[in-house]
Amino acid sequence: MSLPLLFFSPILLIGIGYYFDYKDNPERFMSSLSGGLLYFLALLLFILVQKIAFNVGLLLLVGEVALFIILSLLIKFLLQKEK
């Protein structure tokens, strides 16, 4: 299996999943998409400020992003569990 096929097949599957999610409920999909883009932009801004202002290393930034995503998903899980 060639590397480009291995690289692009998950992207294709994610695109198909997004299509079926949009087809299922377009209003909820657009709300989730805008929330996800806002989350991504806030995370990107957070990382850029650290890199430019504090000159933090790339490996530390990657670890911070991973930890931030894990904590965000854990908080989301705990909030949904209470409902």
N, C-alpha and C. Protein backbone atom coordinates (compact mmCIF):
# COMPACT_ATOMS: atom_id res chain seq x y z
N MET A 1 0.85 -1.17 0.00
CA MET A 1 0.00 0.00 0.00
C MET A 1 0.90 1.24 0.00
N SER A 2 0.60 2.14 -0.87
CA SER A 2 1.44 3.33 -0.97
C SER A 2 1.08 4.34 0.13
N LEU A 3 2.03 5.18 0.45
CA LEU A 3 1.84 6.17 1.51
C LEU A 3 0.72 7.16 1.22
N PRO A 4 0.60 7.69 -0.01
CA PRO A 4 -0.50 8.64 -0.24
C PRO A 4 -1.88 8.02 0.00
N LEU A 5 -2.07 6.78 -0.39
CA LEU A 5 -3.35 6.12 -0.16
C LEU A 5 -3.58 5.94 1.34
N LEU A 6 -2.53 5.56 2.06
CA LEU A 6 -2.62 5.39 3.50
C LEU A 6 -2.92 6.72 4.19
N PHE A 7 -2.41 7.81 3.65
CA PHE A 7 -2.62 9.13 4.23
C PHE A 7 -4.01 9.68 3.91
N PHE A 8 -4.47 9.51 2.68
CA PHE A 8 -5.72 10.13 2.26
C PHE A 8 -6.96 9.30 2.58
N SER A 9 -6.84 8.02 2.83
CA SER A 9 -8.03 7.22 3.10
C SER A 9 -8.73 7.64 4.40
N PRO A 10 -8.03 7.93 5.51
CA PRO A 10 -8.76 8.43 6.69
C PRO A 10 -9.43 9.77 6.43
N ILE A 11 -8.80 10.64 5.66
CA ILE A 11 -9.40 11.94 5.35
C ILE A 11 -10.68 11.73 4.54
N LEU A 12 -10.67 10.80 3.61
CA LEU A 12 -11.86 10.49 2.82
C LEU A 12 -12.97 9.93 3.70
N LEU A 13 -12.61 9.04 4.63
CA LEU A 13 -13.62 8.47 5.53
C LEU A 13 -14.21 9.52 6.46
N ILE A 14 -13.38 10.45 6.93
CA ILE A 14 -13.88 11.54 7.77
C ILE A 14 -14.84 12.42 6.97
N GLY A 15 -14.49 12.71 5.72
CA GLY A 15 -15.37 13.49 4.86
C GLY A 15 -16.71 12.81 4.64
N ILE A 16 -16.70 11.52 4.43
CA ILE A 16 -17.96 10.77 4.26
C ILE A 16 -18.78 10.83 5.54
N GLY A 17 -18.12 10.69 6.69
CA GLY A 17 -18.82 10.78 7.97
C GLY A 17 -19.44 12.14 8.18
N TYR A 18 -18.71 13.21 7.83
CA TYR A 18 -19.27 14.55 7.95
C TYR A 18 -20.48 14.73 7.02
N TYR A 19 -20.42 14.16 5.83
CA TYR A 19 -21.55 14.26 4.90
C TYR A 19 -22.79 13.62 5.50
N PHE A 20 -22.65 12.41 6.03
CA PHE A 20 -23.82 11.73 6.59
C PHE A 20 -24.32 12.41 7.86
N ASP A 21 -23.40 13.00 8.64
CA ASP A 21 -23.82 13.74 9.83
C ASP A 21 -24.59 14.99 9.42
N TYR A 22 -24.11 15.68 8.37
CA TYR A 22 -24.81 16.86 7.87
C TYR A 22 -26.17 16.49 7.31
N LYS A 23 -26.23 15.38 6.60
CA LYS A 23 -27.49 14.92 5.99
C LYS A 23 -28.50 14.55 7.08
N ASP A 24 -28.02 14.04 8.21
CA ASP A 24 -28.89 13.63 9.30
C ASP A 24 -29.56 14.82 9.97
N ASN A 25 -28.76 15.87 10.31
CA ASN A 25 -29.30 17.04 11.00
C ASN A 25 -28.43 18.25 10.67
N PRO A 26 -28.75 18.99 9.61
CA PRO A 26 -27.91 20.11 9.17
C PRO A 26 -27.75 21.22 10.22
N GLU A 27 -28.81 21.51 10.97
CA GLU A 27 -28.73 22.60 11.94
C GLU A 27 -27.76 22.26 13.07
N ARG A 28 -27.85 21.06 13.61
CA ARG A 28 -26.93 20.64 14.67
C ARG A 28 -25.51 20.53 14.14
N PHE A 29 -25.37 20.08 12.91
CA PHE A 29 -24.05 19.96 12.30
C PHE A 29 -23.37 21.31 12.20
N MET A 30 -24.09 22.32 11.71
CA MET A 30 -23.50 23.66 11.56
C MET A 30 -23.16 24.25 12.93
N SER A 31 -23.96 24.00 13.93
CA SER A 31 -23.69 24.48 15.28
C SER A 31 -22.43 23.81 15.82
N SER A 32 -22.31 22.51 15.64
CA SER A 32 -21.13 21.78 16.10
C SER A 32 -19.89 22.20 15.33
N LEU A 33 -20.05 22.44 14.03
CA LEU A 33 -18.92 22.87 13.21
C LEU A 33 -18.41 24.24 13.64
N SER A 34 -19.32 25.17 13.89
CA SER A 34 -18.88 26.51 14.32
C SER A 34 -18.24 26.45 15.70
N GLY A 35 -18.76 25.62 16.59
CA GLY A 35 -18.14 25.44 17.91
C GLY A 35 -16.75 24.82 17.80
N GLY A 36 -16.61 23.86 16.92
CA GLY A 36 -15.31 23.22 16.71
C GLY A 36 -14.29 24.18 16.11
N LEU A 37 -14.73 25.02 15.18
CA LEU A 37 -13.82 26.01 14.59
C LEU A 37 -13.40 27.05 15.62
N LEU A 38 -14.32 27.46 16.47
CA LEU A 38 -13.99 28.40 17.53
C LEU A 38 -12.99 27.78 18.51
N TYR A 39 -13.20 26.52 18.85
CA TYR A 39 -12.27 25.78 19.72
C TYR A 39 -10.88 25.72 19.08
N PHE A 40 -10.84 25.39 17.78
CA PHE A 40 -9.57 25.30 17.07
C PHE A 40 -8.85 26.64 17.01
N LEU A 41 -9.57 27.72 16.73
CA LEU A 41 -8.96 29.04 16.65
C LEU A 41 -8.44 29.50 18.01
N ALA A 42 -9.18 29.20 19.08
CA ALA A 42 -8.71 29.55 20.43
C ALA A 42 -7.45 28.77 20.77
N LEU A 43 -7.42 27.51 20.43
CA LEU A 43 -6.23 26.69 20.69
C LEU A 43 -5.04 27.17 19.86
N LEU A 44 -5.27 27.52 18.61
CA LEU A 44 -4.21 28.03 17.75
C LEU A 44 -3.66 29.35 18.28
N LEU A 45 -4.54 30.23 18.72
CA LEU A 45 -4.11 31.51 19.29
C LEU A 45 -3.30 31.28 20.56
N PHE A 46 -3.74 30.37 21.40
CA PHE A 46 -3.03 30.02 22.63
C PHE A 46 -1.61 29.53 22.33
N ILE A 47 -1.49 28.67 21.33
CA ILE A 47 -0.18 28.11 20.95
C ILE A 47 0.71 29.19 20.34
N LEU A 48 0.16 30.02 19.46
CA LEU A 48 0.96 31.07 18.84
C LEU A 48 1.49 32.08 19.85
N VAL A 49 0.66 32.44 20.83
CA VAL A 49 1.11 33.37 21.87
C VAL A 49 2.27 32.76 22.65
N GLN A 50 2.15 31.49 22.99
CA GLN A 50 3.23 30.84 23.73
C GLN A 50 4.50 30.76 22.89
N LYS A 51 4.36 30.45 21.61
CA LYS A 51 5.54 30.29 20.75
C LYS A 51 6.23 31.63 20.52
N ILE A 52 5.46 32.67 20.23
CA ILE A 52 6.04 33.97 19.90
C ILE A 52 6.50 34.72 21.15
N ALA A 53 5.64 34.81 22.15
CA ALA A 53 5.95 35.63 23.32
C ALA A 53 6.92 34.96 24.28
N PHE A 54 6.78 33.65 24.46
CA PHE A 54 7.58 32.96 25.46
C PHE A 54 8.62 32.01 24.88
N ASN A 55 8.64 31.85 23.56
CA ASN A 55 9.61 31.00 22.87
C ASN A 55 9.63 29.58 23.45
N VAL A 56 8.44 28.99 23.59
CA VAL A 56 8.31 27.64 24.11
C VAL A 56 8.67 26.65 23.01
N GLY A 57 9.30 25.56 23.37
CA GLY A 57 9.72 24.55 22.40
C GLY A 57 8.55 23.83 21.75
N LEU A 58 8.79 23.35 20.54
CA LEU A 58 7.74 22.71 19.75
C LEU A 58 7.23 21.43 20.41
N LEU A 59 8.11 20.64 20.98
CA LEU A 59 7.70 19.39 21.62
C LEU A 59 6.81 19.67 22.83
N LEU A 60 7.13 20.69 23.59
CA LEU A 60 6.31 21.07 24.74
C LEU A 60 4.94 21.57 24.28
N LEU A 61 4.90 22.31 23.18
CA LEU A 61 3.63 22.80 22.65
C LEU A 61 2.74 21.64 22.18
N VAL A 62 3.34 20.65 21.55
CA VAL A 62 2.57 19.48 21.11
C VAL A 62 2.00 18.74 22.32
N GLY A 63 2.79 18.59 23.36
CA GLY A 63 2.31 17.97 24.58
C GLY A 63 1.18 18.76 25.23
N GLU A 64 1.30 20.08 25.22
CA GLU A 64 0.24 20.92 25.78
C GLU A 64 -1.05 20.78 24.98
N VAL A 65 -0.95 20.74 23.67
CA VAL A 65 -2.15 20.58 22.84
C VAL A 65 -2.81 19.24 23.14
N ALA A 66 -2.02 18.19 23.22
CA ALA A 66 -2.58 16.86 23.52
C ALA A 66 -3.26 16.85 24.88
N LEU A 67 -2.61 17.42 25.87
CA LEU A 67 -3.20 17.47 27.21
C LEU A 67 -4.47 18.33 27.22
N PHE A 68 -4.45 19.45 26.52
CA PHE A 68 -5.61 20.34 26.45
C PHE A 68 -6.80 19.63 25.79
N ILE A 69 -6.56 18.88 24.73
CA ILE A 69 -7.64 18.16 24.06
C ILE A 69 -8.19 17.06 24.96
N ILE A 70 -7.32 16.33 25.63
CA ILE A 70 -7.77 15.26 26.54
C ILE A 70 -8.60 15.84 27.68
N LEU A 71 -8.14 16.94 28.27
CA LEU A 71 -8.89 17.57 29.35
C LEU A 71 -10.24 18.11 28.86
N SER A 72 -10.25 18.67 27.66
CA SER A 72 -11.50 19.19 27.10
C SER A 72 -12.51 18.07 26.89
N LEU A 73 -12.05 16.94 26.37
CA LEU A 73 -12.95 15.82 26.15
C LEU A 73 -13.43 15.23 27.47
N LEU A 74 -12.56 15.20 28.48
CA LEU A 74 -12.95 14.70 29.79
C LEU A 74 -14.00 15.60 30.43
N ILE A 75 -13.81 16.91 30.34
CA ILE A 75 -14.80 17.85 30.88
C ILE A 75 -16.13 17.71 30.15
N LYS A 76 -16.08 17.58 28.83
CA LYS A 76 -17.31 17.40 28.05
C LYS A 76 -18.03 16.12 28.45
N PHE A 77 -17.28 15.05 28.65
CA PHE A 77 -17.86 13.78 29.08
C PHE A 77 -18.51 13.91 30.44
N LEU A 78 -17.83 14.56 31.37
CA LEU A 78 -18.38 14.69 32.72
C LEU A 78 -19.63 15.58 32.73
N LEU A 79 -19.65 16.62 31.93
CA LEU A 79 -20.83 17.48 31.86
C LEU A 79 -22.01 16.76 31.23
N GLN A 80 -21.77 15.94 30.21
CA GLN A 80 -22.85 15.19 29.58
C GLN A 80 -23.35 14.05 30.46
N LYS A 81 -22.45 13.53 31.29
CA LYS A 81 -22.82 12.44 32.18
C LYS A 81 -23.80 12.92 33.25
N GLU A 82 -23.63 14.18 33.70
CA GLU A 82 -24.52 14.72 34.72
C GLU A 82 -25.92 14.97 34.18
N LYS A 83 -26.06 15.25 32.89
CA LYS A 83 -27.37 15.50 32.29
C LYS A 83 -28.04 14.19 32.09
